[in-house]
Amino acid sequence: MPLPALDSAQFQTVPLNQIDLQIDTFRITTREGVDELVVSIQHDGLITPPILFQQTASVYAVVSGYRRIQACRKLGCPDLFARILDSNADPLDCLRLAIAENALQRQLNLIEMSRAIQKLSSFFDGTVQMAETAATLGLPANPSVLNKIKDLCLLPWPVQQSILNDAISLSMAGELGKIDPDSAVDFARLWDDLKFSLSKQKEILTLVIEIARREDKTIRQVLNDPKLNRIIDDETLDRTQKGRCIRALLRQWRYPRISEAEKNYGRHLKQLKLGDEIKLIPPKDFEGTAYTLSLNFTDPAHLDELKKRLDALNANPSFEKIFEIK
């Protein structure tokens, strides 16, 4: 799809103090540092001129090249050579140009895709039509994927940073978007610090939300519980240990009766001294009556030995008490 905005564009030198970097209408990139660009421009000059949009007679907005302009300012350049779009240029054409130039340089990250999709959405009534344009710009063409990505750039910035750091997946970002922003930031910082897997993140998020709902508390009140923070701040525990302790604490908090049943079961099971060859598995959450017995043996003689140990179980008081746990 051609971009008519380029047809009337002109190359000219523009004073740097007339370029307003605060106008972010067409900003896509999430990259901030410019040190490598400073070195490149010092050595080779400005190879690719930025693209500007003439906002007024003396003010230019950036369509593409924010970091290049920042680098030139850092170098103390009074002006730069740029490609200037006509003031009557179609804003959608300008946006498509900004997205295309960013996507041409590198693979866009999730937040950059989200910014692009969010900005595109203001020009279209439906996702299907927008998806057709997105496909021509190297963005996902599936409308459902577009909808999942579109609002990521509206999340609090610390959450967006966690997405960029791969601490939060697309699916978890969607879940954090459903809760209040402050709590979302708290979770993002927790995920950044402890690097939990997606399954553990989902488990902890669900437990905290359910505890807050049951006890009529806010999510932040649950997250700021002293017992929970003692685990998080405990420098003697590694990440794996912290994760295990946090999940155990939240599970006990959310399901106190089940936790007590598990504790009693573990105590009585220890008294049975079954060893590694015999596994006694209780019903899920101790709500049923069927227990599972698993044996690991190497030969018939070994099996006979295990059978003798099983026969002796009935004489052990702890075995009978296990079946009283509900």
C-alpha atoms as a PDB file:
ATOM      1  CA  MET A   1       0.000   0.000   0.000  1.00  0.00           C
ATOM      2  CA  PRO A   2       1.735   3.261  -1.102  1.00  0.00           C
ATOM      3  CA  LEU A   3       2.283   6.133   1.311  1.00  0.00           C
ATOM      4  CA  PRO A   4       1.205   9.406  -0.356  1.00  0.00           C
ATOM      5  CA  ALA A   5       2.764  11.367   2.515  1.00  0.00           C
ATOM      6  CA  LEU A   6       6.193  10.620   1.058  1.00  0.00           C
ATOM      7  CA  ASP A   7       5.351  12.044  -2.360  1.00  0.00           C
ATOM      8  CA  SER A   8       5.513  15.655  -1.197  1.00  0.00           C
ATOM      9  CA  ALA A   9       8.255  15.147   1.409  1.00  0.00           C
ATOM     10  CA  GLN A  10      11.321  17.356   1.140  1.00  0.00           C
ATOM     11  CA  PHE A  11      14.840  17.085   2.517  1.00  0.00           C
ATOM     12  CA  GLN A  12      16.043  20.116   4.412  1.00  0.00           C
ATOM     13  CA  THR A  13      18.123  21.229   7.367  1.00  0.00           C
ATOM     14  CA  VAL A  14      16.109  21.901  10.516  1.00  0.00           C
ATOM     15  CA  PRO A  15      17.224  23.663  13.730  1.00  0.00           C
ATOM     16  CA  LEU A  16      17.215  21.140  16.559  1.00  0.00           C
ATOM     17  CA  ASN A  17      15.481  23.567  18.902  1.00  0.00           C
ATOM     18  CA  GLN A  18      12.435  23.542  16.603  1.00  0.00           C
ATOM     19  CA  ILE A  19      11.906  19.786  16.986  1.00  0.00           C
ATOM     20  CA  ASP A  20       9.505  18.937  19.837  1.00  0.00           C
ATOM     21  CA  LEU A  21      10.374  15.497  21.219  1.00  0.00           C
ATOM     22  CA  GLN A  22       7.487  15.718  23.698  1.00  0.00           C
ATOM     23  CA  ILE A  23       5.002  15.139  20.884  1.00  0.00           C
ATOM     24  CA  ASP A  24       4.791  11.342  20.868  1.00  0.00           C
ATOM     25  CA  THR A  25       1.901  10.896  18.425  1.00  0.00           C
ATOM     26  CA  PHE A  26       3.999   8.620  16.232  1.00  0.00           C
ATOM     27  CA  ARG A  27       6.502   7.243  18.778  1.00  0.00           C
ATOM     28  CA  ILE A  28       6.808   3.455  18.588  1.00  0.00           C
ATOM     29  CA  THR A  29      10.211   2.588  20.034  1.00  0.00           C
ATOM     30  CA  THR A  30      10.738   1.690  23.695  1.00  0.00           C
ATOM     31  CA  ARG A  31      14.499   2.054  23.441  1.00  0.00           C
ATOM     32  CA  GLU A  32      15.954   4.885  25.512  1.00  0.00           C
ATOM     33  CA  GLY A  33      19.755   4.808  25.457  1.00  0.00           C
ATOM     34  CA  VAL A  34      21.546   6.685  22.655  1.00  0.00           C
ATOM     35  CA  ASP A  35      25.215   6.162  23.497  1.00  0.00           C
ATOM     36  CA  GLU A  36      25.811   3.761  20.611  1.00  0.00           C
ATOM     37  CA  LEU A  37      24.110   6.216  18.234  1.00  0.00           C
ATOM     38  CA  VAL A  38      26.295   9.049  19.513  1.00  0.00           C
ATOM     39  CA  VAL A  39      29.408   7.041  18.644  1.00  0.00           C
ATOM     40  CA  SER A  40      28.001   6.073  15.231  1.00  0.00           C
ATOM     41  CA  ILE A  41      27.038   9.653  14.305  1.00  0.00           C
ATOM     42  CA  GLN A  42      30.419  10.945  15.496  1.00  0.00           C
ATOM     43  CA  HIS A  43      32.180   8.412  13.304  1.00  0.00           C
ATOM     44  CA  ASP A  44      29.974   8.140  10.214  1.00  0.00           C
ATOM     45  CA  GLY A  45      27.565  11.050  10.420  1.00  0.00           C
ATOM     46  CA  LEU A  46      23.769  10.851  10.324  1.00  0.00           C
ATOM     47  CA  ILE A  47      23.309   8.148   7.681  1.00  0.00           C
ATOM     48  CA  THR A  48      19.490   7.921   7.782  1.00  0.00           C
ATOM     49  CA  PRO A  49      17.783  11.323   8.222  1.00  0.00           C
ATOM     50  CA  PRO A  50      14.863  11.406  10.660  1.00  0.00           C
ATOM     51  CA  ILE A  51      11.353  11.921   9.305  1.00  0.00           C
ATOM     52  CA  LEU A  52       9.540  14.978  10.674  1.00  0.00           C
ATOM     53  CA  PHE A  53       6.023  16.316  10.422  1.00  0.00           C
ATOM     54  CA  GLN A  54       5.594  20.084  10.234  1.00  0.00           C
ATOM     55  CA  GLN A  55       3.307  20.825  13.178  1.00  0.00           C
ATOM     56  CA  THR A  56       3.416  24.613  12.787  1.00  0.00           C
ATOM     57  CA  ALA A  57       5.610  27.076  10.935  1.00  0.00           C
ATOM     58  CA  SER A  58       8.310  26.775  13.601  1.00  0.00           C
ATOM     59  CA  VAL A  59       7.584  23.450  15.318  1.00  0.00           C
ATOM     60  CA  TYR A  60       8.285  19.966  13.982  1.00  0.00           C
ATOM     61  CA  ALA A  61       6.950  16.709  15.390  1.00  0.00           C
ATOM     62  CA  VAL A  62       8.883  13.473  15.003  1.00  0.00           C
ATOM     63  CA  VAL A  63       7.481  10.690  12.843  1.00  0.00           C
ATOM     64  CA  SER A  64      10.579   8.527  13.047  1.00  0.00           C
ATOM     65  CA  GLY A  65      14.029   9.094  14.511  1.00  0.00           C
ATOM     66  CA  TYR A  66      13.509  10.098  18.145  1.00  0.00           C
ATOM     67  CA  ARG A  67      16.752   8.499  19.297  1.00  0.00           C
ATOM     68  CA  ARG A  68      18.757   9.901  16.370  1.00  0.00           C
ATOM     69  CA  ILE A  69      17.583  13.392  17.274  1.00  0.00           C
ATOM     70  CA  GLN A  70      18.413  12.826  20.959  1.00  0.00           C
ATOM     71  CA  ALA A  71      21.900  11.671  19.954  1.00  0.00           C
ATOM     72  CA  CYS A  72      22.429  14.792  17.842  1.00  0.00           C
ATOM     73  CA  ARG A  73      21.344  16.957  20.759  1.00  0.00           C
ATOM     74  CA  LYS A  74      23.772  15.122  23.024  1.00  0.00           C
ATOM     75  CA  LEU A  75      26.516  15.887  20.517  1.00  0.00           C
ATOM     76  CA  GLY A  76      25.584  19.575  20.611  1.00  0.00           C
ATOM     77  CA  CYS A  77      24.556  19.776  16.958  1.00  0.00           C
ATOM     78  CA  PRO A  78      22.689  23.032  16.198  1.00  0.00           C
ATOM     79  CA  ASP A  79      20.660  21.457  13.396  1.00  0.00           C
ATOM     80  CA  LEU A  80      20.229  18.269  11.373  1.00  0.00           C
ATOM     81  CA  PHE A  81      19.287  17.104   7.899  1.00  0.00           C
ATOM     82  CA  ALA A  82      15.798  15.591   7.883  1.00  0.00           C
ATOM     83  CA  ARG A  83      12.988  14.486   5.623  1.00  0.00           C
ATOM     84  CA  ILE A  84      10.027  16.809   6.142  1.00  0.00           C
ATOM     85  CA  LEU A  85       6.463  15.720   5.475  1.00  0.00           C
ATOM     86  CA  ASP A  86       3.938  18.286   4.368  1.00  0.00           C
ATOM     87  CA  SER A  87       1.750  19.767   7.101  1.00  0.00           C
ATOM     88  CA  ASN A  88      -1.292  18.418   5.228  1.00  0.00           C
ATOM     89  CA  ALA A  89       0.019  14.851   5.251  1.00  0.00           C
ATOM     90  CA  ASP A  90      -2.521  12.209   6.306  1.00  0.00           C
ATOM     91  CA  PRO A  91      -1.860  11.276   9.985  1.00  0.00           C
ATOM     92  CA  LEU A  92      -2.574   7.605   9.205  1.00  0.00           C
ATOM     93  CA  ASP A  93       0.062   7.670   6.472  1.00  0.00           C
ATOM     94  CA  CYS A  94       2.507   9.222   8.944  1.00  0.00           C
ATOM     95  CA  LEU A  95       1.767   6.530  11.497  1.00  0.00           C
ATOM     96  CA  ARG A  96       2.163   3.740   8.942  1.00  0.00           C
ATOM     97  CA  LEU A  97       5.483   5.268   7.948  1.00  0.00           C
ATOM     98  CA  ALA A  98       6.643   5.377  11.583  1.00  0.00           C
ATOM     99  CA  ILE A  99       5.671   1.750  12.167  1.00  0.00           C
ATOM    100  CA  ALA A 100       7.239   0.575   8.909  1.00  0.00           C
ATOM    101  CA  GLU A 101      10.557   2.325   9.549  1.00  0.00           C
ATOM    102  CA  ASN A 102      10.814   0.920  13.089  1.00  0.00           C
ATOM    103  CA  ALA A 103       9.878  -2.592  11.934  1.00  0.00           C
ATOM    104  CA  LEU A 104      12.411  -2.380   9.104  1.00  0.00           C
ATOM    105  CA  GLN A 105      15.274  -1.783  11.534  1.00  0.00           C
ATOM    106  CA  ARG A 106      14.518  -4.724  13.875  1.00  0.00           C
ATOM    107  CA  GLN A 107      11.845  -7.068  15.231  1.00  0.00           C
ATOM    108  CA  LEU A 108       9.430  -5.002  17.290  1.00  0.00           C
ATOM    109  CA  ASN A 109       9.001  -6.089  20.904  1.00  0.00           C
ATOM    110  CA  LEU A 110       5.571  -6.643  22.454  1.00  0.00           C
ATOM    111  CA  ILE A 111       5.271  -3.118  23.848  1.00  0.00           C
ATOM    112  CA  GLU A 112       6.277  -1.552  20.534  1.00  0.00           C
ATOM    113  CA  MET A 113       3.718  -3.743  18.768  1.00  0.00           C
ATOM    114  CA  SER A 114       1.142  -2.672  21.328  1.00  0.00           C
ATOM    115  CA  ARG A 115       1.914   1.006  20.784  1.00  0.00           C
ATOM    116  CA  ALA A 116       1.622   0.569  17.040  1.00  0.00           C
ATOM    117  CA  ILE A 117      -1.673  -1.333  17.304  1.00  0.00           C
ATOM    118  CA  GLN A 118      -3.108   1.073  19.890  1.00  0.00           C
ATOM    119  CA  LYS A 119      -2.311   4.060  17.667  1.00  0.00           C
ATOM    120  CA  LEU A 120      -3.673   2.313  14.564  1.00  0.00           C
ATOM    121  CA  SER A 121      -6.910   1.443  16.360  1.00  0.00           C
ATOM    122  CA  SER A 122      -7.918   5.115  16.542  1.00  0.00           C
ATOM    123  CA  PHE A 123      -8.214   5.159  12.743  1.00  0.00           C
ATOM    124  CA  PHE A 124     -10.423   2.068  12.366  1.00  0.00           C
ATOM    125  CA  ASP A 125     -13.893   1.142  13.557  1.00  0.00           C
ATOM    126  CA  GLY A 126     -13.275  -2.613  13.562  1.00  0.00           C
ATOM    127  CA  THR A 127     -10.413  -4.968  14.323  1.00  0.00           C
ATOM    128  CA  VAL A 128     -10.720  -6.862  11.024  1.00  0.00           C
ATOM    129  CA  GLN A 129     -10.061  -3.779   8.921  1.00  0.00           C
ATOM    130  CA  MET A 130      -7.210  -2.758  11.192  1.00  0.00           C
ATOM    131  CA  ALA A 131      -5.732  -6.268  10.918  1.00  0.00           C
ATOM    132  CA  GLU A 132      -5.478  -5.859   7.143  1.00  0.00           C
ATOM    133  CA  THR A 133      -3.378  -2.726   7.570  1.00  0.00           C
ATOM    134  CA  ALA A 134      -1.363  -4.267  10.411  1.00  0.00           C
ATOM    135  CA  ALA A 135      -0.408  -7.202   8.189  1.00  0.00           C
ATOM    136  CA  THR A 136       1.157  -4.862   5.606  1.00  0.00           C
ATOM    137  CA  LEU A 137       3.352  -3.379   8.358  1.00  0.00           C
ATOM    138  CA  GLY A 138       4.725  -6.649   9.708  1.00  0.00           C
ATOM    139  CA  LEU A 139       2.368  -6.708  12.708  1.00  0.00           C
ATOM    140  CA  PRO A 140       0.241  -9.744  13.682  1.00  0.00           C
ATOM    141  CA  ALA A 141      -2.665 -10.155  11.267  1.00  0.00           C
ATOM    142  CA  ASN A 142      -4.889 -12.260  13.541  1.00  0.00           C
ATOM    143  CA  PRO A 143      -7.590 -10.013  15.089  1.00  0.00           C
ATOM    144  CA  SER A 144      -7.664 -11.982  18.359  1.00  0.00           C
ATOM    145  CA  VAL A 145      -3.883 -11.610  18.741  1.00  0.00           C
ATOM    146  CA  LEU A 146      -4.155  -7.887  18.009  1.00  0.00           C
ATOM    147  CA  ASN A 147      -6.739  -7.517  20.768  1.00  0.00           C
ATOM    148  CA  LYS A 148      -4.494  -9.326  23.267  1.00  0.00           C
ATOM    149  CA  ILE A 149      -1.528  -7.090  22.451  1.00  0.00           C
ATOM    150  CA  LYS A 150      -3.285  -3.746  21.940  1.00  0.00           C
ATOM    151  CA  ASP A 151      -3.685  -2.680  25.586  1.00  0.00           C
ATOM    152  CA  LEU A 152      -0.252  -3.759  26.859  1.00  0.00           C
ATOM    153  CA  CYS A 153       1.069  -0.220  26.366  1.00  0.00           C
ATOM    154  CA  LEU A 154      -1.672   1.081  28.684  1.00  0.00           C
ATOM    155  CA  LEU A 155      -0.387  -0.972  31.623  1.00  0.00           C
ATOM    156  CA  PRO A 156       1.740   0.825  34.263  1.00  0.00           C
ATOM    157  CA  TRP A 157       5.282   1.324  33.031  1.00  0.00           C
ATOM    158  CA  PRO A 158       6.887  -1.067  35.590  1.00  0.00           C
ATOM    159  CA  VAL A 159       4.600  -3.824  34.269  1.00  0.00           C
ATOM    160  CA  GLN A 160       5.612  -2.966  30.701  1.00  0.00           C
ATOM    161  CA  GLN A 161       9.273  -3.169  31.734  1.00  0.00           C
ATOM    162  CA  SER A 162       8.678  -6.637  33.183  1.00  0.00           C
ATOM    163  CA  ILE A 163       7.165  -7.677  29.855  1.00  0.00           C
ATOM    164  CA  LEU A 164      10.239  -6.322  28.055  1.00  0.00           C
ATOM    165  CA  ASN A 165      12.471  -8.245  30.512  1.00  0.00           C
ATOM    166  CA  ASP A 166      10.541 -11.473  29.751  1.00  0.00           C
ATOM    167  CA  ALA A 167       9.534 -11.724  33.414  1.00  0.00           C
ATOM    168  CA  ILE A 168       5.850 -11.527  32.417  1.00  0.00           C
ATOM    169  CA  SER A 169       4.262 -13.384  29.512  1.00  0.00           C
ATOM    170  CA  LEU A 170       1.512 -12.095  27.257  1.00  0.00           C
ATOM    171  CA  SER A 171      -1.117 -14.195  29.043  1.00  0.00           C
ATOM    172  CA  MET A 172      -0.014 -13.020  32.505  1.00  0.00           C
ATOM    173  CA  ALA A 173       0.032  -9.403  31.307  1.00  0.00           C
ATOM    174  CA  GLY A 174      -3.603  -9.857  30.331  1.00  0.00           C
ATOM    175  CA  GLU A 175      -4.411 -11.092  33.843  1.00  0.00           C
ATOM    176  CA  LEU A 176      -2.604  -8.162  35.474  1.00  0.00           C
ATOM    177  CA  GLY A 177      -4.596  -5.814  33.271  1.00  0.00           C
ATOM    178  CA  LYS A 178      -7.752  -6.947  35.080  1.00  0.00           C
ATOM    179  CA  ILE A 179      -6.635  -5.777  38.525  1.00  0.00           C
ATOM    180  CA  ASP A 180      -5.883  -2.324  39.917  1.00  0.00           C
ATOM    181  CA  PRO A 181      -2.674  -0.695  38.580  1.00  0.00           C
ATOM    182  CA  ASP A 182      -0.853  -0.505  41.947  1.00  0.00           C
ATOM    183  CA  SER A 183      -1.384  -4.211  42.605  1.00  0.00           C
ATOM    184  CA  ALA A 184      -0.283  -5.019  39.049  1.00  0.00           C
ATOM    185  CA  VAL A 185       2.963  -3.148  39.706  1.00  0.00           C
ATOM    186  CA  ASP A 186       3.479  -5.069  42.971  1.00  0.00           C
ATOM    187  CA  PHE A 187       3.098  -8.381  41.168  1.00  0.00           C
ATOM    188  CA  ALA A 188       5.395  -7.263  38.338  1.00  0.00           C
ATOM    189  CA  ARG A 189       8.137  -6.410  40.826  1.00  0.00           C
ATOM    190  CA  LEU A 190       7.666  -9.769  42.550  1.00  0.00           C
ATOM    191  CA  TRP A 191       7.953 -11.627  39.237  1.00  0.00           C
ATOM    192  CA  ASP A 192      11.039  -9.572  38.315  1.00  0.00           C
ATOM    193  CA  ASP A 193      12.760 -10.368  41.603  1.00  0.00           C
ATOM    194  CA  LEU A 194      11.910 -14.056  41.908  1.00  0.00           C
ATOM    195  CA  LYS A 195      11.628 -15.137  38.234  1.00  0.00           C
ATOM    196  CA  PHE A 196       8.666 -17.454  38.825  1.00  0.00           C
ATOM    197  CA  SER A 197       7.441 -19.699  36.024  1.00  0.00           C
ATOM    198  CA  LEU A 198       4.103 -18.889  34.391  1.00  0.00           C
ATOM    199  CA  SER A 199       2.321 -21.661  36.280  1.00  0.00           C
ATOM    200  CA  LYS A 200       3.607 -20.391  39.651  1.00  0.00           C
ATOM    201  CA  GLN A 201       2.698 -16.810  38.736  1.00  0.00           C
ATOM    202  CA  LYS A 202      -0.853 -17.873  37.914  1.00  0.00           C
ATOM    203  CA  GLU A 203      -1.147 -19.920  41.116  1.00  0.00           C
ATOM    204  CA  ILE A 204       0.064 -17.064  43.340  1.00  0.00           C
ATOM    205  CA  LEU A 205      -2.062 -14.450  41.564  1.00  0.00           C
ATOM    206  CA  THR A 206      -5.172 -16.626  41.905  1.00  0.00           C
ATOM    207  CA  LEU A 207      -4.535 -17.362  45.587  1.00  0.00           C
ATOM    208  CA  VAL A 208      -3.975 -13.689  46.439  1.00  0.00           C
ATOM    209  CA  ILE A 209      -7.123 -12.574  44.604  1.00  0.00           C
ATOM    210  CA  GLU A 210      -9.221 -15.284  46.275  1.00  0.00           C
ATOM    211  CA  ILE A 211      -7.842 -14.444  49.729  1.00  0.00           C
ATOM    212  CA  ALA A 212      -8.573 -10.741  49.189  1.00  0.00           C
ATOM    213  CA  ARG A 213     -12.107 -11.501  48.056  1.00  0.00           C
ATOM    214  CA  ARG A 214     -12.847 -13.912  50.914  1.00  0.00           C
ATOM    215  CA  GLU A 215     -11.482 -11.635  53.633  1.00  0.00           C
ATOM    216  CA  ASP A 216     -12.830  -8.412  52.115  1.00  0.00           C
ATOM    217  CA  LYS A 217      -9.345  -6.984  51.709  1.00  0.00           C
ATOM    218  CA  THR A 218      -7.589  -5.266  48.850  1.00  0.00           C
ATOM    219  CA  ILE A 219      -5.026  -7.211  46.853  1.00  0.00           C
ATOM    220  CA  ARG A 220      -2.303  -4.867  48.126  1.00  0.00           C
ATOM    221  CA  GLN A 221      -3.277  -5.590  51.737  1.00  0.00           C
ATOM    222  CA  VAL A 222      -2.718  -9.282  51.102  1.00  0.00           C
ATOM    223  CA  LEU A 223       0.589  -8.658  49.318  1.00  0.00           C
ATOM    224  CA  ASN A 224       1.766  -6.441  52.174  1.00  0.00           C
ATOM    225  CA  ASP A 225       1.114  -9.097  54.817  1.00  0.00           C
ATOM    226  CA  PRO A 226       4.130  -9.203  57.209  1.00  0.00           C
ATOM    227  CA  LYS A 227       4.514 -13.000  56.992  1.00  0.00           C
ATOM    228  CA  LEU A 228       4.633 -12.837  53.205  1.00  0.00           C
ATOM    229  CA  ASN A 229       7.143  -9.998  53.174  1.00  0.00           C
ATOM    230  CA  ARG A 230       9.388 -11.780  55.654  1.00  0.00           C
ATOM    231  CA  ILE A 231       9.723 -14.600  53.132  1.00  0.00           C
ATOM    232  CA  ILE A 232      10.345 -12.202  50.235  1.00  0.00           C
ATOM    233  CA  ASP A 233      13.026 -10.300  52.189  1.00  0.00           C
ATOM    234  CA  ASP A 234      14.720 -13.383  53.673  1.00  0.00           C
ATOM    235  CA  GLU A 235      18.259 -13.332  52.254  1.00  0.00           C
ATOM    236  CA  THR A 236      18.957 -16.866  53.505  1.00  0.00           C
ATOM    237  CA  LEU A 237      16.453 -18.288  50.972  1.00  0.00           C
ATOM    238  CA  ASP A 238      17.124 -18.639  47.261  1.00  0.00           C
ATOM    239  CA  ARG A 239      14.438 -17.971  44.643  1.00  0.00           C
ATOM    240  CA  THR A 240      13.243 -21.562  44.537  1.00  0.00           C
ATOM    241  CA  GLN A 241      12.901 -21.725  48.313  1.00  0.00           C
ATOM    242  CA  LYS A 242      11.097 -18.388  48.438  1.00  0.00           C
ATOM    243  CA  GLY A 243       8.679 -19.550  45.777  1.00  0.00           C
ATOM    244  CA  ARG A 244       7.938 -22.744  47.678  1.00  0.00           C
ATOM    245  CA  CYS A 245       7.433 -20.884  50.973  1.00  0.00           C
ATOM    246  CA  ILE A 246       5.231 -18.190  49.415  1.00  0.00           C
ATOM    247  CA  ARG A 247       2.984 -20.740  47.739  1.00  0.00           C
ATOM    248  CA  ALA A 248       2.739 -22.786  50.955  1.00  0.00           C
ATOM    249  CA  LEU A 249       1.845 -19.708  53.011  1.00  0.00           C
ATOM    250  CA  LEU A 250      -0.795 -18.507  50.550  1.00  0.00           C
ATOM    251  CA  ARG A 251      -2.268 -21.967  50.164  1.00  0.00           C
ATOM    252  CA  GLN A 252      -2.509 -22.379  53.947  1.00  0.00           C
ATOM    253  CA  TRP A 253      -4.104 -18.925  54.156  1.00  0.00           C
ATOM    254  CA  ARG A 254      -6.586 -19.670  51.381  1.00  0.00           C
ATOM    255  CA  TYR A 255      -7.379 -23.262  52.385  1.00  0.00           C
ATOM    256  CA  PRO A 256      -6.718 -23.539  56.139  1.00  0.00           C
ATOM    257  CA  ARG A 257      -8.613 -26.823  56.601  1.00  0.00           C
ATOM    258  CA  ILE A 258      -6.888 -28.508  53.682  1.00  0.00           C
ATOM    259  CA  SER A 259      -3.524 -27.240  54.908  1.00  0.00           C
ATOM    260  CA  GLU A 260      -4.202 -28.607  58.374  1.00  0.00           C
ATOM    261  CA  ALA A 261      -5.258 -31.944  56.866  1.00  0.00           C
ATOM    262  CA  GLU A 262      -2.049 -32.075  54.816  1.00  0.00           C
ATOM    263  CA  LYS A 263      -0.015 -31.318  57.915  1.00  0.00           C
ATOM    264  CA  ASN A 264      -1.679 -34.101  59.905  1.00  0.00           C
ATOM    265  CA  TYR A 265      -1.360 -36.509  57.016  1.00  0.00           C
ATOM    266  CA  GLY A 266       2.341 -35.779  56.688  1.00  0.00           C
ATOM    267  CA  ARG A 267       2.883 -36.354  60.406  1.00  0.00           C
ATOM    268  CA  HIS A 268       1.109 -39.722  60.421  1.00  0.00           C
ATOM    269  CA  LEU A 269       2.714 -40.776  57.140  1.00  0.00           C
ATOM    270  CA  LYS A 270       6.141 -40.166  58.625  1.00  0.00           C
ATOM    271  CA  GLN A 271       5.272 -42.509  61.511  1.00  0.00           C
ATOM    272  CA  LEU A 272       4.526 -45.328  59.035  1.00  0.00           C
ATOM    273  CA  LYS A 273       8.124 -45.317  57.736  1.00  0.00           C
ATOM    274  CA  LEU A 274       7.093 -46.610  54.306  1.00  0.00           C
ATOM    275  CA  GLY A 275      10.419 -45.860  52.659  1.00  0.00           C
ATOM    276  CA  ASP A 276      10.899 -44.977  49.011  1.00  0.00           C
ATOM    277  CA  GLU A 277       9.321 -48.155  47.606  1.00  0.00           C
ATOM    278  CA  ILE A 278       5.796 -47.579  48.975  1.00  0.00           C
ATOM    279  CA  LYS A 279       3.739 -44.484  48.169  1.00  0.00           C
ATOM    280  CA  LEU A 280       0.394 -43.804  49.829  1.00  0.00           C
ATOM    281  CA  ILE A 281      -1.485 -41.059  47.970  1.00  0.00           C
ATOM    282  CA  PRO A 282      -4.542 -39.438  49.609  1.00  0.00           C
ATOM    283  CA  PRO A 283      -7.632 -38.268  47.704  1.00  0.00           C
ATOM    284  CA  LYS A 284      -7.406 -34.744  46.300  1.00  0.00           C
ATOM    285  CA  ASP A 285      -7.947 -32.183  49.064  1.00  0.00           C
ATOM    286  CA  PHE A 286      -8.974 -35.111  51.333  1.00  0.00           C
ATOM    287  CA  GLU A 287     -12.522 -34.802  50.007  1.00  0.00           C
ATOM    288  CA  GLY A 288     -12.869 -38.383  48.778  1.00  0.00           C
ATOM    289  CA  THR A 289     -12.460 -41.796  50.367  1.00  0.00           C
ATOM    290  CA  ALA A 290     -10.244 -43.595  47.846  1.00  0.00           C
ATOM    291  CA  TYR A 291      -6.509 -43.749  48.589  1.00  0.00           C
ATOM    292  CA  THR A 292      -3.911 -44.881  46.051  1.00  0.00           C
ATOM    293  CA  LEU A 293      -1.096 -47.263  46.924  1.00  0.00           C
ATOM    294  CA  SER A 294       1.965 -47.410  44.690  1.00  0.00           C
ATOM    295  CA  LEU A 295       4.744 -50.033  44.949  1.00  0.00           C
ATOM    296  CA  ASN A 296       8.185 -49.999  43.364  1.00  0.00           C
ATOM    297  CA  PHE A 297       9.922 -53.405  43.373  1.00  0.00           C
ATOM    298  CA  THR A 298      12.674 -55.114  41.412  1.00  0.00           C
ATOM    299  CA  ASP A 299      11.810 -58.825  41.650  1.00  0.00           C
ATOM    300  CA  PRO A 300       9.347 -61.277  43.324  1.00  0.00           C
ATOM    301  CA  ALA A 301      11.454 -61.488  46.471  1.00  0.00           C
ATOM    302  CA  HIS A 302      11.404 -57.724  46.792  1.00  0.00           C
ATOM    303  CA  LEU A 303       7.610 -57.748  46.335  1.00  0.00           C
ATOM    304  CA  ASP A 304       7.235 -60.359  49.112  1.00  0.00           C
ATOM    305  CA  GLU A 305       9.229 -58.102  51.408  1.00  0.00           C
ATOM    306  CA  LEU A 306       6.964 -55.152  50.629  1.00  0.00           C
ATOM    307  CA  LYS A 307       3.860 -57.286  51.223  1.00  0.00           C
ATOM    308  CA  LYS A 308       5.100 -58.086  54.728  1.00  0.00           C
ATOM    309  CA  ARG A 309       5.576 -54.382  55.408  1.00  0.00           C
ATOM    310  CA  LEU A 310       2.069 -53.690  54.137  1.00  0.00           C
ATOM    311  CA  ASP A 311       0.604 -56.413  56.353  1.00  0.00           C
ATOM    312  CA  ALA A 312       2.193 -54.719  59.348  1.00  0.00           C
ATOM    313  CA  LEU A 313       0.508 -51.388  58.565  1.00  0.00           C
ATOM    314  CA  ASN A 314      -2.793 -52.382  60.129  1.00  0.00           C
ATOM    315  CA  ALA A 315      -1.072 -52.711  63.487  1.00  0.00           C
ATOM    316  CA  ASN A 316       0.264 -49.145  63.300  1.00  0.00           C
ATOM    317  CA  PRO A 317      -2.071 -46.584  64.988  1.00  0.00           C
ATOM    318  CA  SER A 318      -0.977 -43.862  62.555  1.00  0.00           C
ATOM    319  CA  PHE A 319      -2.341 -45.888  59.626  1.00  0.00           C
ATOM    320  CA  GLU A 320      -5.838 -45.853  61.071  1.00  0.00           C
ATOM    321  CA  LYS A 321      -5.620 -42.161  61.959  1.00  0.00           C
ATOM    322  CA  ILE A 322      -4.781 -41.285  58.356  1.00  0.00           C
ATOM    323  CA  PHE A 323      -8.252 -42.395  57.298  1.00  0.00           C
ATOM    324  CA  GLU A 324      -9.833 -40.160  59.904  1.00  0.00           C
ATOM    325  CA  ILE A 325      -8.427 -37.040  58.228  1.00  0.00           C
ATOM    326  CA  LYS A 326     -11.077 -35.007  56.410  1.00  0.00           C
END
